[in-house]
């Protein structure tokens, strides 16, 4: 248990950031809404280590990681259509299944 006062809290102002564009700021606000306080600051805390300096560097690295992950926009998936061969294999397996089930029926 950490009983000493070694907690480090990092505040980063999204509004006053010079490195982010307006769109990036909006993305950060949307994705980190639960970590942003009323002054439009992202709050990251660390109290894992026994040294406040280590906790400070840990909190800063966590903040950097959070922002870098959020700013990477995932590539949209392009939907593809099944190939002609895969469609024919599917139809062939359906026909085979149909023949198996038809063979089970009673012969009149």
N, C-alpha and C. Protein backbone atom coordinates (compact mmCIF):
# COMPACT_ATOMS: atom_id res chain seq x y z
N UNK A 1 0.85 -1.18 0.00
CA UNK A 1 0.00 0.00 0.00
C UNK A 1 0.89 1.24 0.00
N UNK A 2 0.56 2.19 -0.82
CA UNK A 2 1.33 3.42 -0.94
C UNK A 2 0.86 4.41 0.13
N UNK A 3 1.62 4.54 1.21
CA UNK A 3 1.21 5.42 2.31
C UNK A 3 1.88 6.79 2.26
N UNK A 4 2.83 6.96 1.37
CA UNK A 4 3.49 8.26 1.26
C UNK A 4 2.80 9.10 0.20
N UNK A 5 3.06 10.39 0.20
CA UNK A 5 2.42 11.30 -0.76
C UNK A 5 3.21 11.32 -2.06
N UNK A 6 3.09 10.25 -2.81
CA UNK A 6 3.86 10.17 -4.05
C UNK A 6 2.97 10.15 -5.29
N UNK A 7 1.69 10.37 -5.09
CA UNK A 7 0.78 10.38 -6.23
C UNK A 7 1.14 11.54 -7.16
N UNK A 8 1.07 11.28 -8.46
CA UNK A 8 1.33 12.34 -9.45
C UNK A 8 0.10 12.46 -10.35
N UNK A 9 -0.37 13.67 -10.51
CA UNK A 9 -1.52 13.94 -11.37
C UNK A 9 -1.07 14.90 -12.46
N UNK A 10 -1.33 14.52 -13.71
CA UNK A 10 -0.94 15.35 -14.85
C UNK A 10 -2.21 15.93 -15.46
N UNK A 11 -2.21 17.24 -15.66
CA UNK A 11 -3.32 17.94 -16.31
C UNK A 11 -2.81 18.44 -17.66
N UNK A 12 -3.57 18.14 -18.73
CA UNK A 12 -3.20 18.59 -20.07
C UNK A 12 -4.39 19.30 -20.70
N UNK A 13 -4.23 20.56 -21.00
CA UNK A 13 -5.32 21.36 -21.55
C UNK A 13 -5.50 21.06 -23.03
N UNK A 14 -6.67 20.56 -23.36
CA UNK A 14 -6.98 20.27 -24.77
C UNK A 14 -7.23 21.58 -25.51
N UNK A 15 -7.91 22.49 -24.85
CA UNK A 15 -8.28 23.77 -25.48
C UNK A 15 -7.04 24.59 -25.87
N UNK A 16 -6.02 24.59 -25.02
CA UNK A 16 -4.83 25.42 -25.26
C UNK A 16 -3.71 24.69 -25.99
N UNK A 17 -3.97 23.49 -26.45
CA UNK A 17 -2.94 22.71 -27.14
C UNK A 17 -2.65 23.32 -28.51
N UNK A 18 -1.38 23.56 -28.77
CA UNK A 18 -0.97 24.14 -30.06
C UNK A 18 -0.66 23.07 -31.09
N UNK A 19 -0.47 21.84 -30.65
CA UNK A 19 -0.07 20.78 -31.58
C UNK A 19 -1.24 20.10 -32.27
N UNK A 20 -2.44 20.22 -31.72
CA UNK A 20 -3.60 19.53 -32.29
C UNK A 20 -4.45 20.47 -33.13
N UNK A 21 -5.01 19.92 -34.20
CA UNK A 21 -5.95 20.68 -35.02
C UNK A 21 -7.32 20.64 -34.34
N UNK A 22 -8.26 21.39 -34.88
CA UNK A 22 -9.61 21.44 -34.30
C UNK A 22 -10.28 20.07 -34.35
N UNK A 23 -10.09 19.36 -35.46
CA UNK A 23 -10.68 18.02 -35.59
C UNK A 23 -10.07 17.04 -34.60
N UNK A 24 -8.76 17.13 -34.40
CA UNK A 24 -8.10 16.25 -33.45
C UNK A 24 -8.54 16.56 -32.02
N UNK A 25 -8.71 17.83 -31.72
CA UNK A 25 -9.19 18.22 -30.39
C UNK A 25 -10.59 17.66 -30.14
N UNK A 26 -11.43 17.73 -31.16
CA UNK A 26 -12.79 17.20 -31.03
C UNK A 26 -12.75 15.69 -30.79
N UNK A 27 -11.86 14.99 -31.50
CA UNK A 27 -11.72 13.54 -31.33
C UNK A 27 -11.24 13.20 -29.91
N UNK A 28 -10.28 13.98 -29.40
CA UNK A 28 -9.78 13.75 -28.04
C UNK A 28 -10.90 13.99 -27.04
N UNK A 29 -11.66 15.06 -27.22
CA UNK A 29 -12.76 15.36 -26.30
C UNK A 29 -13.82 14.25 -26.32
N UNK A 30 -14.08 13.72 -27.50
CA UNK A 30 -15.10 12.67 -27.63
C UNK A 30 -14.63 11.37 -26.99
N UNK A 31 -13.41 10.97 -27.27
CA UNK A 31 -12.91 9.67 -26.80
C UNK A 31 -12.50 9.68 -25.33
N UNK A 32 -12.04 10.82 -24.83
CA UNK A 32 -11.60 10.91 -23.43
C UNK A 32 -12.57 11.72 -22.58
N UNK A 33 -13.84 11.66 -22.91
CA UNK A 33 -14.84 12.47 -22.21
C UNK A 33 -14.86 12.17 -20.71
N UNK A 34 -14.62 10.92 -20.32
CA UNK A 34 -14.67 10.56 -18.90
C UNK A 34 -13.41 11.00 -18.15
N UNK A 35 -12.36 11.43 -18.84
CA UNK A 35 -11.13 11.89 -18.19
C UNK A 35 -10.95 13.40 -18.27
N UNK A 36 -11.90 14.11 -18.88
CA UNK A 36 -11.77 15.56 -19.05
C UNK A 36 -12.59 16.26 -17.97
N UNK A 37 -11.95 17.24 -17.30
CA UNK A 37 -12.63 17.98 -16.23
C UNK A 37 -13.35 19.21 -16.82
N UNK A 38 -13.91 20.03 -15.95
CA UNK A 38 -14.70 21.18 -16.40
C UNK A 38 -13.84 22.28 -17.04
N UNK A 39 -12.52 22.27 -16.81
CA UNK A 39 -11.62 23.26 -17.43
C UNK A 39 -11.07 22.77 -18.76
N UNK A 40 -11.67 21.73 -19.32
CA UNK A 40 -11.25 21.15 -20.61
C UNK A 40 -9.82 20.62 -20.54
N UNK A 41 -9.50 19.95 -19.44
CA UNK A 41 -8.18 19.36 -19.25
C UNK A 41 -8.31 17.85 -19.09
N UNK A 42 -7.39 17.13 -19.73
CA UNK A 42 -7.33 15.68 -19.55
C UNK A 42 -6.56 15.44 -18.25
N UNK A 43 -7.10 14.60 -17.38
CA UNK A 43 -6.48 14.32 -16.09
C UNK A 43 -6.02 12.86 -16.08
N UNK A 44 -4.70 12.67 -15.85
CA UNK A 44 -4.13 11.33 -15.74
C UNK A 44 -3.37 11.25 -14.42
N UNK A 45 -3.61 10.16 -13.68
CA UNK A 45 -3.01 10.00 -12.37
C UNK A 45 -2.18 8.73 -12.32
N UNK A 46 -1.09 8.76 -11.53
CA UNK A 46 -0.28 7.57 -11.30
C UNK A 46 0.17 7.55 -9.85
N UNK A 47 0.00 6.40 -9.22
CA UNK A 47 0.49 6.23 -7.85
C UNK A 47 1.03 4.81 -7.66
N UNK A 48 1.61 4.26 -8.73
CA UNK A 48 2.08 2.89 -8.70
C UNK A 48 3.43 2.74 -8.00
N UNK A 49 4.30 3.71 -8.20
CA UNK A 49 5.66 3.62 -7.68
C UNK A 49 5.78 4.35 -6.34
N UNK A 50 6.92 4.15 -5.66
CA UNK A 50 7.15 4.80 -4.37
C UNK A 50 7.81 6.16 -4.53
N UNK A 51 8.23 6.48 -5.74
CA UNK A 51 8.88 7.76 -6.00
C UNK A 51 7.93 8.65 -6.79
N UNK A 52 7.81 9.91 -6.37
CA UNK A 52 6.91 10.83 -7.07
C UNK A 52 7.43 11.14 -8.47
N UNK A 53 8.74 11.20 -8.62
CA UNK A 53 9.33 11.44 -9.94
C UNK A 53 8.99 10.31 -10.91
N UNK A 54 9.09 9.07 -10.45
CA UNK A 54 8.72 7.93 -11.29
C UNK A 54 7.24 7.96 -11.63
N UNK A 55 6.41 8.32 -10.66
CA UNK A 55 4.97 8.42 -10.90
C UNK A 55 4.66 9.52 -11.90
N UNK A 56 5.39 10.64 -11.83
CA UNK A 56 5.18 11.74 -12.76
C UNK A 56 5.51 11.30 -14.19
N UNK A 57 6.65 10.64 -14.36
CA UNK A 57 7.03 10.18 -15.70
C UNK A 57 6.06 9.11 -16.19
N UNK A 58 5.57 8.27 -15.28
CA UNK A 58 4.59 7.26 -15.65
C UNK A 58 3.27 7.90 -16.09
N UNK A 59 2.83 8.92 -15.39
CA UNK A 59 1.59 9.61 -15.75
C UNK A 59 1.73 10.32 -17.09
N UNK A 60 2.89 10.93 -17.34
CA UNK A 60 3.12 11.62 -18.62
C UNK A 60 3.14 10.61 -19.75
N UNK A 61 3.79 9.47 -19.55
CA UNK A 61 3.83 8.46 -20.60
C UNK A 61 2.45 7.87 -20.86
N UNK A 62 1.64 7.72 -19.80
CA UNK A 62 0.26 7.25 -19.99
C UNK A 62 -0.55 8.24 -20.81
N UNK A 63 -0.37 9.53 -20.52
CA UNK A 63 -1.07 10.57 -21.26
C UNK A 63 -0.66 10.55 -22.73
N UNK A 64 0.64 10.44 -22.99
CA UNK A 64 1.13 10.38 -24.37
C UNK A 64 0.55 9.18 -25.09
N UNK A 65 0.52 8.04 -24.42
CA UNK A 65 -0.02 6.82 -25.03
C UNK A 65 -1.51 6.98 -25.34
N UNK A 66 -2.26 7.53 -24.38
CA UNK A 66 -3.71 7.73 -24.60
C UNK A 66 -3.97 8.61 -25.81
N UNK A 67 -3.28 9.74 -25.88
CA UNK A 67 -3.53 10.69 -26.97
C UNK A 67 -3.08 10.10 -28.30
N UNK A 68 -1.93 9.42 -28.32
CA UNK A 68 -1.46 8.85 -29.59
C UNK A 68 -2.39 7.75 -30.08
N UNK A 69 -2.95 6.95 -29.17
CA UNK A 69 -3.89 5.90 -29.58
C UNK A 69 -5.18 6.50 -30.13
N UNK A 70 -5.63 7.58 -29.53
CA UNK A 70 -6.88 8.20 -29.95
C UNK A 70 -6.73 8.88 -31.31
N UNK A 71 -5.56 9.46 -31.56
CA UNK A 71 -5.37 10.19 -32.81
C UNK A 71 -5.15 9.28 -34.01
N UNK A 72 -4.92 7.98 -33.78
CA UNK A 72 -4.81 7.04 -34.90
C UNK A 72 -6.21 6.61 -35.32
N UNK A 73 -6.67 7.15 -36.43
CA UNK A 73 -8.01 6.84 -36.92
C UNK A 73 -7.96 5.48 -37.62
N UNK A 74 -8.79 4.53 -37.21
CA UNK A 74 -8.75 3.22 -37.85
C UNK A 74 -9.22 3.30 -39.30
N UNK A 75 -8.62 2.46 -40.13
CA UNK A 75 -8.96 2.44 -41.55
C UNK A 75 -10.32 1.78 -41.71
N UNK A 76 -11.20 2.41 -42.50
CA UNK A 76 -12.53 1.86 -42.71
C UNK A 76 -12.43 0.60 -43.56
N UNK A 77 -13.22 -0.40 -43.18
CA UNK A 77 -13.23 -1.66 -43.90
C UNK A 77 -14.02 -1.50 -45.19
N UNK A 78 -13.41 -1.96 -46.28
CA UNK A 78 -14.13 -1.97 -47.55
C UNK A 78 -14.84 -3.30 -47.71
N UNK A 79 -16.15 -3.30 -47.82
CA UNK A 79 -16.84 -4.58 -47.95
C UNK A 79 -16.51 -5.24 -49.29
N UNK A 80 -16.29 -6.54 -49.25
CA UNK A 80 -15.96 -7.28 -50.47
C UNK A 80 -17.08 -8.25 -50.79
N UNK A 81 -17.16 -8.64 -52.04
CA UNK A 81 -18.19 -9.58 -52.46
C UNK A 81 -17.57 -10.97 -52.57
N UNK A 82 -18.37 -12.01 -52.33
CA UNK A 82 -17.84 -13.36 -52.46
C UNK A 82 -17.42 -13.64 -53.90
N UNK A 83 -16.35 -14.42 -54.07
CA UNK A 83 -15.88 -14.74 -55.41
C UNK A 83 -16.83 -15.74 -56.06
N UNK A 84 -16.71 -15.89 -57.36
CA UNK A 84 -17.57 -16.82 -58.10
C UNK A 84 -17.33 -18.25 -57.63
N UNK A 85 -16.07 -18.58 -57.38
CA UNK A 85 -15.73 -19.94 -56.93
C UNK A 85 -16.32 -20.23 -55.56
N UNK A 86 -16.26 -19.26 -54.66
CA UNK A 86 -16.80 -19.50 -53.31
C UNK A 86 -18.32 -19.63 -53.37
N UNK A 87 -18.96 -18.86 -54.24
CA UNK A 87 -20.41 -18.99 -54.39
C UNK A 87 -20.78 -20.36 -54.93
N UNK A 88 -20.03 -20.83 -55.93
CA UNK A 88 -20.33 -22.14 -56.51
C UNK A 88 -20.08 -23.25 -55.48
N UNK A 89 -19.02 -23.14 -54.65
CA UNK A 89 -18.77 -24.13 -53.60
C UNK A 89 -19.91 -24.16 -52.60
N UNK A 90 -20.42 -22.98 -52.26
CA UNK A 90 -21.53 -22.89 -51.31
C UNK A 90 -22.78 -23.56 -51.88
N UNK A 91 -23.10 -23.27 -53.11
CA UNK A 91 -24.28 -23.87 -53.75
C UNK A 91 -24.11 -25.38 -53.87
N UNK A 92 -22.90 -25.83 -54.19
CA UNK A 92 -22.63 -27.26 -54.33
C UNK A 92 -22.82 -27.97 -52.99
N UNK A 93 -22.35 -27.37 -51.90
CA UNK A 93 -22.52 -28.00 -50.59
C UNK A 93 -23.99 -28.02 -50.18
N UNK A 94 -24.75 -26.99 -50.58
CA UNK A 94 -26.18 -26.98 -50.28
C UNK A 94 -26.90 -28.09 -51.05
N UNK A 95 -26.50 -28.28 -52.30
CA UNK A 95 -27.11 -29.35 -53.12
C UNK A 95 -26.80 -30.71 -52.53
N UNK A 96 -25.55 -30.90 -52.08
CA UNK A 96 -25.15 -32.16 -51.48
C UNK A 96 -25.96 -32.44 -50.22
N UNK A 97 -26.13 -31.42 -49.39
CA UNK A 97 -26.91 -31.57 -48.16
C UNK A 97 -28.36 -31.90 -48.50
N UNK A 98 -28.87 -31.26 -49.52
CA UNK A 98 -30.24 -31.51 -49.95
C UNK A 98 -30.41 -32.97 -50.38
N UNK A 99 -29.42 -33.50 -51.13
CA UNK A 99 -29.48 -34.90 -51.58
C UNK A 99 -29.42 -35.86 -50.39
N UNK A 100 -28.59 -35.54 -49.39
CA UNK A 100 -28.49 -36.40 -48.20
C UNK A 100 -29.82 -36.42 -47.48
N UNK A 101 -30.45 -35.29 -47.32
CA UNK A 101 -31.74 -35.24 -46.63
C UNK A 101 -32.84 -35.89 -47.44
N UNK A 102 -32.77 -35.76 -48.76
CA UNK A 102 -33.79 -36.39 -49.61
C UNK A 102 -33.66 -37.92 -49.53
N UNK A 103 -32.45 -38.41 -49.38
CA UNK A 103 -32.24 -39.87 -49.29
C UNK A 103 -32.82 -40.43 -47.99
N UNK A 104 -32.96 -39.63 -46.98
CA UNK A 104 -33.52 -40.10 -45.71
C UNK A 104 -35.03 -40.27 -45.76
N UNK A 105 -35.68 -39.58 -46.68
CA UNK A 105 -37.14 -39.62 -46.75
C UNK A 105 -37.62 -41.02 -47.14
N UNK A 106 -38.86 -41.31 -46.74
CA UNK A 106 -39.43 -42.61 -47.04
C UNK A 106 -39.74 -42.70 -48.53
N UNK A 107 -39.45 -43.85 -49.12
CA UNK A 107 -39.71 -44.07 -50.54
C UNK A 107 -41.15 -44.56 -50.66
N UNK A 108 -41.91 -43.97 -51.56
CA UNK A 108 -43.33 -44.32 -51.71
C UNK A 108 -43.53 -45.30 -52.84
